[in-house]
Amino acid sequence: GWYSIAADFDGFLRWSYNSWTEKPLEDSRFRAWPAGDTYIVYPDNRTSIRFETLREGIQDAEKIRVLRADLTKQNMLDKLDHLNEVVAQFNVTSKPENFEKMLRDAKNQL
């Protein structure tokens, strides 16, 4: 979510939501793809870490969009600039060593 906002993306395409293997609860491997790559949820309404992380990113991105709109509408440009500076840190091409701290600090700004 943070990278997509920083890179000014307007959406996200996940190639597969529920393309399960024969027995996804027992073995998530499929050919040469990493285990679990063919789906982000399990059968029978079971969630996954991948899905929960995706959902959390979408929520963060939407919150940033709402905050930007509200701060612009209220002419709170200093706070808007600060928010944009925090978001801009995530426009990276590789994961920084301190990514977890960076993300935690950014979420605290929201």
PDB file of N, CA and C in Angstrom:
ATOM      1  N   GLY A   1       0.804  -1.190   0.000  1.00  0.00           N
ATOM      2  CA  GLY A   1       0.000   0.000   0.000  1.00  0.00           C
ATOM      3  C   GLY A   1       0.853   1.264   0.000  1.00  0.00           C
ATOM      4  N   TRP A   2       1.849   1.288   0.852  1.00  0.00           N
ATOM      5  CA  TRP A   2       2.686   2.485   0.970  1.00  0.00           C
ATOM      6  C   TRP A   2       3.474   2.721  -0.310  1.00  0.00           C
ATOM      7  N   TYR A   3       4.041   1.676  -0.875  1.00  0.00           N
ATOM      8  CA  TYR A   3       4.792   1.844  -2.117  1.00  0.00           C
ATOM      9  C   TYR A   3       3.863   2.288  -3.244  1.00  0.00           C
ATOM     10  N   SER A   4       2.681   1.701  -3.329  1.00  0.00           N
ATOM     11  CA  SER A   4       1.761   2.062  -4.409  1.00  0.00           C
ATOM     12  C   SER A   4       1.352   3.526  -4.326  1.00  0.00           C
ATOM     13  N   ILE A   5       1.166   4.041  -3.122  1.00  0.00           N
ATOM     14  CA  ILE A   5       0.837   5.463  -2.952  1.00  0.00           C
ATOM     15  C   ILE A   5       2.052   6.317  -3.296  1.00  0.00           C
ATOM     16  N   ALA A   6       3.226   5.920  -2.812  1.00  0.00           N
ATOM     17  CA  ALA A   6       4.446   6.697  -3.074  1.00  0.00           C
ATOM     18  C   ALA A   6       4.762   6.743  -4.567  1.00  0.00           C
ATOM     19  N   ALA A   7       4.474   5.659  -5.273  1.00  0.00           N
ATOM     20  CA  ALA A   7       4.746   5.597  -6.710  1.00  0.00           C
ATOM     21  C   ALA A   7       3.581   6.141  -7.536  1.00  0.00           C
ATOM     22  N   ASP A   8       2.542   6.628  -6.854  1.00  0.00           N
ATOM     23  CA  ASP A   8       1.366   7.229  -7.496  1.00  0.00           C
ATOM     24  C   ASP A   8       0.598   6.229  -8.362  1.00  0.00           C
ATOM     25  N   PHE A   9       0.534   4.979  -7.910  1.00  0.00           N
ATOM     26  CA  PHE A   9      -0.278   3.979  -8.606  1.00  0.00           C
ATOM     27  C   PHE A   9      -1.739   4.203  -8.246  1.00  0.00           C
ATOM     28  N   ASP A  10      -2.637   3.879  -9.155  1.00  0.00           N
ATOM     29  CA  ASP A  10      -4.061   4.029  -8.853  1.00  0.00           C
ATOM     30  C   ASP A  10      -4.746   2.678  -8.665  1.00  0.00           C
ATOM     31  N   GLY A  11      -3.959   1.619  -8.581  1.00  0.00           N
ATOM     32  CA  GLY A  11      -4.528   0.300  -8.375  1.00  0.00           C
ATOM     33  C   GLY A  11      -3.442  -0.741  -8.208  1.00  0.00           C
ATOM     34  N   PHE A  12      -3.878  -1.977  -8.068  1.00  0.00           N
ATOM     35  CA  PHE A  12      -2.965  -3.088  -7.848  1.00  0.00           C
ATOM     36  C   PHE A  12      -3.606  -4.329  -8.449  1.00  0.00           C
ATOM     37  N   LEU A  13      -2.862  -5.076  -9.221  1.00  0.00           N
ATOM     38  CA  LEU A  13      -3.380  -6.299  -9.820  1.00  0.00           C
ATOM     39  C   LEU A  13      -2.662  -7.500  -9.223  1.00  0.00           C
ATOM     40  N   ARG A  14      -3.403  -8.331  -8.559  1.00  0.00           N
ATOM     41  CA  ARG A  14      -2.876  -9.589  -8.022  1.00  0.00           C
ATOM     42  C   ARG A  14      -3.257 -10.677  -9.018  1.00  0.00           C
ATOM     43  N   TRP A  15      -2.310 -11.418  -9.521  1.00  0.00           N
ATOM     44  CA  TRP A  15      -2.560 -12.339 -10.632  1.00  0.00           C
ATOM     45  C   TRP A  15      -3.452 -13.515 -10.266  1.00  0.00           C
ATOM     46  N   SER A  16      -3.475 -13.915  -9.019  1.00  0.00           N
ATOM     47  CA  SER A  16      -4.280 -15.075  -8.652  1.00  0.00           C
ATOM     48  C   SER A  16      -4.807 -14.921  -7.230  1.00  0.00           C
ATOM     49  N   TYR A  17      -6.093 -15.133  -7.076  1.00  0.00           N
ATOM     50  CA  TYR A  17      -6.737 -15.012  -5.768  1.00  0.00           C
ATOM     51  C   TYR A  17      -6.986 -16.389  -5.156  1.00  0.00           C
ATOM     52  N   ASN A  18      -7.522 -17.316  -5.955  1.00  0.00           N
ATOM     53  CA  ASN A  18      -7.890 -18.623  -5.407  1.00  0.00           C
ATOM     54  C   ASN A  18      -7.645 -19.765  -6.398  1.00  0.00           C
ATOM     55  N   SER A  19      -6.499 -19.760  -7.024  1.00  0.00           N
ATOM     56  CA  SER A  19      -6.136 -20.848  -7.938  1.00  0.00           C
ATOM     57  C   SER A  19      -5.437 -21.937  -7.119  1.00  0.00           C
ATOM     58  N   TRP A  20      -6.248 -22.682  -6.388  1.00  0.00           N
ATOM     59  CA  TRP A  20      -5.715 -23.631  -5.419  1.00  0.00           C
ATOM     60  C   TRP A  20      -5.073 -24.849  -6.069  1.00  0.00           C
ATOM     61  N   THR A  21      -4.120 -25.403  -5.363  1.00  0.00           N
ATOM     62  CA  THR A  21      -3.542 -26.687  -5.742  1.00  0.00           C
ATOM     63  C   THR A  21      -4.549 -27.777  -5.375  1.00  0.00           C
ATOM     64  N   GLU A  22      -4.216 -29.025  -5.637  1.00  0.00           N
ATOM     65  CA  GLU A  22      -5.164 -30.114  -5.378  1.00  0.00           C
ATOM     66  C   GLU A  22      -5.581 -30.179  -3.903  1.00  0.00           C
ATOM     67  N   LYS A  23      -4.622 -30.034  -2.997  1.00  0.00           N
ATOM     68  CA  LYS A  23      -4.914 -30.073  -1.558  1.00  0.00           C
ATOM     69  C   LYS A  23      -4.228 -28.872  -0.905  1.00  0.00           C
ATOM     70  N   PRO A  24      -4.780 -27.682  -1.048  1.00  0.00           N
ATOM     71  CA  PRO A  24      -4.093 -26.467  -0.600  1.00  0.00           C
ATOM     72  C   PRO A  24      -3.836 -26.390   0.900  1.00  0.00           C
ATOM     73  N   LEU A  25      -4.614 -27.082   1.700  1.00  0.00           N
ATOM     74  CA  LEU A  25      -4.390 -27.047   3.144  1.00  0.00           C
ATOM     75  C   LEU A  25      -3.253 -27.978   3.565  1.00  0.00           C
ATOM     76  N   GLU A  26      -2.861 -28.882   2.673  1.00  0.00           N
ATOM     77  CA  GLU A  26      -1.795 -29.829   2.979  1.00  0.00           C
ATOM     78  C   GLU A  26      -0.491 -29.513   2.252  1.00  0.00           C
ATOM     79  N   ASP A  27      -0.604 -28.993   1.024  1.00  0.00           N
ATOM     80  CA  ASP A  27       0.591 -28.742   0.214  1.00  0.00           C
ATOM     81  C   ASP A  27       0.307 -27.579  -0.732  1.00  0.00           C
ATOM     82  N   SER A  28       0.995 -26.485  -0.544  1.00  0.00           N
ATOM     83  CA  SER A  28       0.723 -25.284  -1.343  1.00  0.00           C
ATOM     84  C   SER A  28       1.679 -25.122  -2.522  1.00  0.00           C
ATOM     85  N   ARG A  29       2.560 -26.085  -2.746  1.00  0.00           N
ATOM     86  CA  ARG A  29       3.507 -25.992  -3.869  1.00  0.00           C
ATOM     87  C   ARG A  29       2.793 -26.243  -5.192  1.00  0.00           C
ATOM     88  N   PHE A  30       3.251 -25.532  -6.234  1.00  0.00           N
ATOM     89  CA  PHE A  30       2.723 -25.764  -7.577  1.00  0.00           C
ATOM     90  C   PHE A  30       3.823 -25.515  -8.590  1.00  0.00           C
ATOM     91  N   ARG A  31       4.263 -26.561  -9.215  1.00  0.00           N
ATOM     92  CA  ARG A  31       5.325 -26.511 -10.227  1.00  0.00           C
ATOM     93  C   ARG A  31       6.516 -25.705  -9.725  1.00  0.00           C
ATOM     94  N   ALA A  32       6.944 -24.724 -10.506  1.00  0.00           N
ATOM     95  CA  ALA A  32       8.153 -23.965 -10.146  1.00  0.00           C
ATOM     96  C   ALA A  32       7.854 -22.718  -9.319  1.00  0.00           C
ATOM     97  N   TRP A  33       6.586 -22.431  -9.077  1.00  0.00           N
ATOM     98  CA  TRP A  33       6.240 -21.230  -8.322  1.00  0.00           C
ATOM     99  C   TRP A  33       6.456 -21.433  -6.828  1.00  0.00           C
ATOM    100  N   PRO A  34       6.740 -20.362  -6.110  1.00  0.00           N
ATOM    101  CA  PRO A  34       6.900 -20.479  -4.657  1.00  0.00           C
ATOM    102  C   PRO A  34       5.611 -20.993  -4.002  1.00  0.00           C
ATOM    103  N   ALA A  35       5.763 -21.695  -2.911  1.00  0.00           N
ATOM    104  CA  ALA A  35       4.603 -22.229  -2.196  1.00  0.00           C
ATOM    105  C   ALA A  35       3.616 -21.116  -1.873  1.00  0.00           C
ATOM    106  N   GLY A  36       2.352 -21.337  -2.223  1.00  0.00           N
ATOM    107  CA  GLY A  36       1.308 -20.372  -1.915  1.00  0.00           C
ATOM    108  C   GLY A  36       1.155 -19.250  -2.918  1.00  0.00           C
ATOM    109  N   ASP A  37       1.999 -19.196  -3.938  1.00  0.00           N
ATOM    110  CA  ASP A  37       1.938 -18.080  -4.888  1.00  0.00           C
ATOM    111  C   ASP A  37       0.679 -18.099  -5.741  1.00  0.00           C
ATOM    112  N   THR A  38       0.039 -19.249  -5.871  1.00  0.00           N
ATOM    113  CA  THR A  38      -1.142 -19.343  -6.730  1.00  0.00           C
ATOM    114  C   THR A  38      -2.434 -18.914  -6.041  1.00  0.00           C
ATOM    115  N   TYR A  39      -2.359 -18.540  -4.797  1.00  0.00           N
ATOM    116  CA  TYR A  39      -3.567 -18.065  -4.104  1.00  0.00           C
ATOM    117  C   TYR A  39      -3.182 -17.270  -2.860  1.00  0.00           C
ATOM    118  N   ILE A  40      -4.103 -16.404  -2.429  1.00  0.00           N
ATOM    119  CA  ILE A  40      -3.853 -15.636  -1.203  1.00  0.00           C
ATOM    120  C   ILE A  40      -4.890 -15.922  -0.126  1.00  0.00           C
ATOM    121  N   VAL A  41      -5.905 -16.713  -0.458  1.00  0.00           N
ATOM    122  CA  VAL A  41      -6.862 -17.185   0.536  1.00  0.00           C
ATOM    123  C   VAL A  41      -6.971 -18.700   0.393  1.00  0.00           C
ATOM    124  N   TYR A  42      -7.460 -19.331   1.429  1.00  0.00           N
ATOM    125  CA  TYR A  42      -7.649 -20.773   1.420  1.00  0.00           C
ATOM    126  C   TYR A  42      -9.129 -21.098   1.247  1.00  0.00           C
ATOM    127  N   PRO A  43      -9.448 -22.333   0.900  1.00  0.00           N
ATOM    128  CA  PRO A  43     -10.861 -22.716   0.776  1.00  0.00           C
ATOM    129  C   PRO A  43     -11.623 -22.527   2.091  1.00  0.00           C
ATOM    130  N   ASP A  44     -12.931 -22.451   1.979  1.00  0.00           N
ATOM    131  CA  ASP A  44     -13.836 -22.353   3.132  1.00  0.00           C
ATOM    132  C   ASP A  44     -13.607 -21.095   3.956  1.00  0.00           C
ATOM    133  N   ASN A  45     -13.408 -19.983   3.276  1.00  0.00           N
ATOM    134  CA  ASN A  45     -13.276 -18.672   3.931  1.00  0.00           C
ATOM    135  C   ASN A  45     -12.117 -18.582   4.909  1.00  0.00           C
ATOM    136  N   ARG A  46     -11.046 -19.298   4.652  1.00  0.00           N
ATOM    137  CA  ARG A  46      -9.845 -19.194   5.486  1.00  0.00           C
ATOM    138  C   ARG A  46      -8.949 -18.102   4.917  1.00  0.00           C
ATOM    139  N   THR A  47      -8.478 -17.245   5.773  1.00  0.00           N
ATOM    140  CA  THR A  47      -7.603 -16.165   5.344  1.00  0.00           C
ATOM    141  C   THR A  47      -6.160 -16.661   5.289  1.00  0.00           C
ATOM    142  N   SER A  48      -5.244 -15.760   4.998  1.00  0.00           N
ATOM    143  CA  SER A  48      -3.822 -16.101   4.981  1.00  0.00           C
ATOM    144  C   SER A  48      -3.024 -14.866   5.382  1.00  0.00           C
ATOM    145  N   ILE A  49      -1.772 -15.070   5.713  1.00  0.00           N
ATOM    146  CA  ILE A  49      -0.905 -13.938   6.039  1.00  0.00           C
ATOM    147  C   ILE A  49      -0.786 -13.021   4.830  1.00  0.00           C
ATOM    148  N   ARG A  50      -0.662 -13.601   3.634  1.00  0.00           N
ATOM    149  CA  ARG A  50      -0.580 -12.778   2.418  1.00  0.00           C
ATOM    150  C   ARG A  50      -1.822 -11.909   2.254  1.00  0.00           C
ATOM    151  N   PHE A  51      -2.999 -12.501   2.450  1.00  0.00           N
ATOM    152  CA  PHE A  51      -4.233 -11.736   2.290  1.00  0.00           C
ATOM    153  C   PHE A  51      -4.337 -10.635   3.342  1.00  0.00           C
ATOM    154  N   GLU A  52      -4.035 -10.954   4.586  1.00  0.00           N
ATOM    155  CA  GLU A  52      -4.133  -9.958   5.656  1.00  0.00           C
ATOM    156  C   GLU A  52      -3.150  -8.814   5.430  1.00  0.00           C
ATOM    157  N   THR A  53      -1.957  -9.125   4.934  1.00  0.00           N
ATOM    158  CA  THR A  53      -0.975  -8.083   4.631  1.00  0.00           C
ATOM    159  C   THR A  53      -1.450  -7.220   3.469  1.00  0.00           C
ATOM    160  N   LEU A  54      -2.023  -7.838   2.449  1.00  0.00           N
ATOM    161  CA  LEU A  54      -2.582  -7.091   1.321  1.00  0.00           C
ATOM    162  C   LEU A  54      -3.703  -6.174   1.797  1.00  0.00           C
ATOM    163  N   ARG A  55      -4.605  -6.709   2.621  1.00  0.00           N
ATOM    164  CA  ARG A  55      -5.722  -5.922   3.146  1.00  0.00           C
ATOM    165  C   ARG A  55      -5.212  -4.736   3.965  1.00  0.00           C
ATOM    166  N   GLU A  56      -4.212  -4.970   4.790  1.00  0.00           N
ATOM    167  CA  GLU A  56      -3.639  -3.900   5.605  1.00  0.00           C
ATOM    168  C   GLU A  56      -3.035  -2.804   4.721  1.00  0.00           C
ATOM    169  N   GLY A  57      -2.348  -3.205   3.661  1.00  0.00           N
ATOM    170  CA  GLY A  57      -1.778  -2.230   2.732  1.00  0.00           C
ATOM    171  C   GLY A  57      -2.845  -1.411   2.032  1.00  0.00           C
ATOM    172  N   ILE A  58      -3.935  -2.060   1.635  1.00  0.00           N
ATOM    173  CA  ILE A  58      -5.045  -1.348   0.994  1.00  0.00           C
ATOM    174  C   ILE A  58      -5.659  -0.351   1.966  1.00  0.00           C
ATOM    175  N   GLN A  59      -5.839  -0.754   3.212  1.00  0.00           N
ATOM    176  CA  GLN A  59      -6.394   0.158   4.220  1.00  0.00           C
ATOM    177  C   GLN A  59      -5.479   1.355   4.448  1.00  0.00           C
ATOM    178  N   ASP A  60      -4.177   1.120   4.532  1.00  0.00           N
ATOM    179  CA  ASP A  60      -3.227   2.227   4.698  1.00  0.00           C
ATOM    180  C   ASP A  60      -3.299   3.180   3.512  1.00  0.00           C
ATOM    181  N   ALA A  61      -3.331   2.625   2.298  1.00  0.00           N
ATOM    182  CA  ALA A  61      -3.383   3.463   1.095  1.00  0.00           C
ATOM    183  C   ALA A  61      -4.655   4.303   1.074  1.00  0.00           C
ATOM    184  N   GLU A  62      -5.770   3.703   1.426  1.00  0.00           N
ATOM    185  CA  GLU A  62      -7.031   4.454   1.435  1.00  0.00           C
ATOM    186  C   GLU A  62      -7.014   5.539   2.507  1.00  0.00           C
ATOM    187  N   LYS A  63      -6.457   5.226   3.660  1.00  0.00           N
ATOM    188  CA  LYS A  63      -6.368   6.231   4.722  1.00  0.00           C
ATOM    189  C   LYS A  63      -5.515   7.415   4.269  1.00  0.00           C
ATOM    190  N   ILE A  64      -4.420   7.142   3.577  1.00  0.00           N
ATOM    191  CA  ILE A  64      -3.564   8.217   3.071  1.00  0.00           C
ATOM    192  C   ILE A  64      -4.326   9.063   2.056  1.00  0.00           C
ATOM    193  N   ARG A  65      -5.079   8.423   1.161  1.00  0.00           N
ATOM    194  CA  ARG A  65      -5.875   9.173   0.174  1.00  0.00           C
ATOM    195  C   ARG A  65      -6.882  10.090   0.866  1.00  0.00           C
ATOM    196  N   VAL A  66      -7.564   9.560   1.873  1.00  0.00           N
ATOM    197  CA  VAL A  66      -8.558  10.352   2.609  1.00  0.00           C
ATOM    198  C   VAL A  66      -7.883  11.507   3.339  1.00  0.00           C
ATOM    199  N   LEU A  67      -6.766  11.228   4.007  1.00  0.00           N
ATOM    200  CA  LEU A  67      -6.042  12.290   4.717  1.00  0.00           C
ATOM    201  C   LEU A  67      -5.569  13.377   3.760  1.00  0.00           C
ATOM    202  N   ARG A  68      -5.047  12.992   2.621  1.00  0.00           N
ATOM    203  CA  ARG A  68      -4.599  13.985   1.637  1.00  0.00           C
ATOM    204  C   ARG A  68      -5.761  14.875   1.200  1.00  0.00           C
ATOM    205  N   ALA A  69      -6.891  14.272   0.919  1.00  0.00           N
ATOM    206  CA  ALA A  69      -8.059  15.049   0.488  1.00  0.00           C
ATOM    207  C   ALA A  69      -8.526  15.984   1.599  1.00  0.00           C
ATOM    208  N   ASP A  70      -8.608  15.477   2.822  1.00  0.00           N
ATOM    209  CA  ASP A  70      -9.055  16.302   3.950  1.00  0.00           C
ATOM    210  C   ASP A  70      -8.086  17.442   4.239  1.00  0.00           C
ATOM    211  N   LEU A  71      -6.798  17.144   4.247  1.00  0.00           N
ATOM    212  CA  LEU A  71      -5.804  18.185   4.526  1.00  0.00           C
ATOM    213  C   LEU A  71      -5.804  19.248   3.430  1.00  0.00           C
ATOM    214  N   THR A  72      -6.007  18.840   2.193  1.00  0.00           N
ATOM    215  CA  THR A  72      -6.095  19.798   1.085  1.00  0.00           C
ATOM    216  C   THR A  72      -7.343  20.660   1.237  1.00  0.00           C
ATOM    217  N   LYS A  73      -8.471  20.024   1.522  1.00  0.00           N
ATOM    218  CA  LYS A  73      -9.746  20.741   1.673  1.00  0.00           C
ATOM    219  C   LYS A  73      -9.683  21.746   2.816  1.00  0.00           C
ATOM    220  N   GLN A  74      -9.010  21.378   3.902  1.00  0.00           N
ATOM    221  CA  GLN A  74      -8.911  22.253   5.072  1.00  0.00           C
ATOM    222  C   GLN A  74      -7.730  23.213   4.973  1.00  0.00           C
ATOM    223  N   ASN A  75      -7.036  23.177   3.837  1.00  0.00           N
ATOM    224  CA  ASN A  75      -5.893  24.062   3.592  1.00  0.00           C
ATOM    225  C   ASN A  75      -4.806  23.910   4.666  1.00  0.00           C
ATOM    226  N   MET A  76      -4.605  22.688   5.131  1.00  0.00           N
ATOM    227  CA  MET A  76      -3.572  22.388   6.129  1.00  0.00           C
ATOM    228  C   MET A  76      -2.329  21.899   5.386  1.00  0.00           C
ATOM    229  N   LEU A  77      -1.708  22.815   4.665  1.00  0.00           N
ATOM    230  CA  LEU A  77      -0.640  22.453   3.743  1.00  0.00           C
ATOM    231  C   LEU A  77       0.624  21.968   4.438  1.00  0.00           C
ATOM    232  N   ASP A  78       0.920  22.482   5.640  1.00  0.00           N
ATOM    233  CA  ASP A  78       2.097  21.999   6.376  1.00  0.00           C
ATOM    234  C   ASP A  78       1.945  20.517   6.714  1.00  0.00           C
ATOM    235  N   LYS A  79       0.763  20.138   7.193  1.00  0.00           N
ATOM    236  CA  LYS A  79       0.521  18.731   7.533  1.00  0.00           C
ATOM    237  C   LYS A  79       0.494  17.867   6.276  1.00  0.00           C
ATOM    238  N   LEU A  80      -0.053  18.407   5.202  1.00  0.00           N
ATOM    239  CA  LEU A  80      -0.062  17.679   3.934  1.00  0.00           C
ATOM    240  C   LEU A  80       1.364  17.452   3.436  1.00  0.00           C
ATOM    241  N   ASP A  81       2.192  18.472   3.512  1.00  0.00           N
ATOM    242  CA  ASP A  81       3.598  18.334   3.109  1.00  0.00           C
ATOM    243  C   ASP A  81       4.307  17.277   3.950  1.00  0.00           C
ATOM    244  N   HIS A  82       4.041  17.290   5.259  1.00  0.00           N
ATOM    245  CA  HIS A  82       4.660  16.298   6.146  1.00  0.00           C
ATOM    246  C   HIS A  82       4.213  14.881   5.766  1.00  0.00           C
ATOM    247  N   LEU A  83       2.923  14.707   5.537  1.00  0.00           N
ATOM    248  CA  LEU A  83       2.408  13.396   5.132  1.00  0.00           C
ATOM    249  C   LEU A  83       3.062  12.949   3.825  1.00  0.00           C
ATOM    250  N   ASN A  84       3.169  13.849   2.873  1.00  0.00           N
ATOM    251  CA  ASN A  84       3.787  13.503   1.590  1.00  0.00           C
ATOM    252  C   ASN A  84       5.263  13.148   1.743  1.00  0.00           C
ATOM    253  N   GLU A  85       5.960  13.792   2.672  1.00  0.00           N
ATOM    254  CA  GLU A  85       7.360  13.450   2.940  1.00  0.00           C
ATOM    255  C   GLU A  85       7.473  12.044   3.522  1.00  0.00           C
ATOM    256  N   VAL A  86       6.568  11.712   4.432  1.00  0.00           N
ATOM    257  CA  VAL A  86       6.566  10.372   5.029  1.00  0.00           C
ATOM    258  C   VAL A  86       6.303   9.326   3.945  1.00  0.00           C
ATOM    259  N   VAL A  87       5.312   9.581   3.107  1.00  0.00           N
ATOM    260  CA  VAL A  87       4.958   8.639   2.039  1.00  0.00           C
ATOM    261  C   VAL A  87       6.099   8.490   1.034  1.00  0.00           C
ATOM    262  N   ALA A  88       6.763   9.587   0.700  1.00  0.00           N
ATOM    263  CA  ALA A  88       7.824   9.574  -0.318  1.00  0.00           C
ATOM    264  C   ALA A  88       8.974   8.635   0.048  1.00  0.00           C
ATOM    265  N   GLN A  89       9.163   8.370   1.328  1.00  0.00           N
ATOM    266  CA  GLN A  89      10.224   7.452   1.765  1.00  0.00           C
ATOM    267  C   GLN A  89      10.048   6.052   1.193  1.00  0.00           C
ATOM    268  N   PHE A  90       8.822   5.711   0.806  1.00  0.00           N
ATOM    269  CA  PHE A  90       8.514   4.357   0.349  1.00  0.00           C
ATOM    270  C   PHE A  90       8.634   4.191  -1.161  1.00  0.00           C
ATOM    271  N   ASN A  91       9.021   5.234  -1.868  1.00  0.00           N
ATOM    272  CA  ASN A  91       9.225   5.127  -3.313  1.00  0.00           C
ATOM    273  C   ASN A  91      10.649   4.626  -3.556  1.00  0.00           C
ATOM    274  N   VAL A  92      10.837   3.346  -3.312  1.00  0.00           N
ATOM    275  CA  VAL A  92      12.160   2.719  -3.379  1.00  0.00           C
ATOM    276  C   VAL A  92      12.129   1.543  -4.359  1.00  0.00           C
ATOM    277  N   THR A  93      13.297   1.157  -4.827  1.00  0.00           N
ATOM    278  CA  THR A  93      13.377   0.015  -5.741  1.00  0.00           C
ATOM    279  C   THR A  93      13.835  -1.260  -5.045  1.00  0.00           C
ATOM    280  N   SER A  94      14.279  -1.150  -3.808  1.00  0.00           N
ATOM    281  CA  SER A  94      14.622  -2.336  -3.021  1.00  0.00           C
ATOM    282  C   SER A  94      14.274  -2.063  -1.562  1.00  0.00           C
ATOM    283  N   LYS A  95      14.066  -3.127  -0.819  1.00  0.00           N
ATOM    284  CA  LYS A  95      13.644  -3.014   0.574  1.00  0.00           C
ATOM    285  C   LYS A  95      14.793  -2.494   1.431  1.00  0.00           C
ATOM    286  N   PRO A  96      14.599  -1.338   2.085  1.00  0.00           N
ATOM    287  CA  PRO A  96      15.645  -0.805   2.968  1.00  0.00           C
ATOM    288  C   PRO A  96      15.877  -1.731   4.166  1.00  0.00           C
ATOM    289  N   GLU A  97      17.075  -1.687   4.719  1.00  0.00           N
ATOM    290  CA  GLU A  97      17.396  -2.522   5.880  1.00  0.00           C
ATOM    291  C   GLU A  97      16.484  -2.221   7.066  1.00  0.00           C
ATOM    292  N   ASN A  98      16.081  -0.976   7.209  1.00  0.00           N
ATOM    293  CA  ASN A  98      15.259  -0.568   8.352  1.00  0.00           C
ATOM    294  C   ASN A  98      13.778  -0.486   7.982  1.00  0.00           C
ATOM    295  N   PHE A  99      13.339  -1.306   7.030  1.00  0.00           N
ATOM    296  CA  PHE A  99      11.974  -1.196   6.514  1.00  0.00           C
ATOM    297  C   PHE A  99      10.911  -1.340   7.599  1.00  0.00           C
ATOM    298  N   GLU A 100      11.044  -2.321   8.475  1.00  0.00           N
ATOM    299  CA  GLU A 100      10.024  -2.546   9.500  1.00  0.00           C
ATOM    300  C   GLU A 100       9.869  -1.319  10.397  1.00  0.00           C
ATOM    301  N   LYS A 101      10.983  -0.714  10.797  1.00  0.00           N
ATOM    302  CA  LYS A 101      10.929   0.494  11.621  1.00  0.00           C
ATOM    303  C   LYS A 101      10.337   1.653  10.821  1.00  0.00           C
ATOM    304  N   MET A 102      10.741   1.767   9.577  1.00  0.00           N
ATOM    305  CA  MET A 102      10.235   2.825   8.706  1.00  0.00           C
ATOM    306  C   MET A 102       8.709   2.717   8.566  1.00  0.00           C
ATOM    307  N   LEU A 103       8.210   1.502   8.360  1.00  0.00           N
ATOM    308  CA  LEU A 103       6.776   1.282   8.217  1.00  0.00           C
ATOM    309  C   LEU A 103       6.045   1.563   9.524  1.00  0.00           C
ATOM    310  N   ARG A 104       6.592   1.087  10.628  1.00  0.00           N
ATOM    311  CA  ARG A 104       5.980   1.320  11.941  1.00  0.00           C
ATOM    312  C   ARG A 104       5.892   2.816  12.235  1.00  0.00           C
ATOM    313  N   ASP A 105       6.974   3.549  11.979  1.00  0.00           N
ATOM    314  CA  ASP A 105       6.984   4.999  12.207  1.00  0.00           C
ATOM    315  C   ASP A 105       5.981   5.707  11.299  1.00  0.00           C
ATOM    316  N   ALA A 106       5.901   5.276  10.046  1.00  0.00           N
ATOM    317  CA  ALA A 106       4.966   5.896   9.105  1.00  0.00           C
ATOM    318  C   ALA A 106       3.523   5.654   9.535  1.00  0.00           C
ATOM    319  N   LYS A 107       3.216   4.432   9.968  1.00  0.00           N
ATOM    320  CA  LYS A 107       1.857   4.131  10.423  1.00  0.00           C
ATOM    321  C   LYS A 107       1.490   4.972  11.642  1.00  0.00           C
ATOM    322  N   ASN A 108       2.454   5.236  12.499  1.00  0.00           N
ATOM    323  CA  ASN A 108       2.194   6.082  13.666  1.00  0.00           C
ATOM    324  C   ASN A 108       1.854   7.512  13.264  1.00  0.00           C
ATOM    325  N   GLN A 109       2.322   7.945  12.090  1.00  0.00           N
ATOM    326  CA  GLN A 109       2.010   9.289  11.602  1.00  0.00           C
ATOM    327  C   GLN A 109       0.548   9.408  11.175  1.00  0.00           C
ATOM    328  N   LEU A 110      -0.047   8.279  10.795  1.00  0.00           N
ATOM    329  CA  LEU A 110      -1.442   8.306  10.373  1.00  0.00           C
ATOM    330  C   LEU A 110      -2.347   8.490  11.567  1.00  0.00           C
TER     331      LEU A 110
END
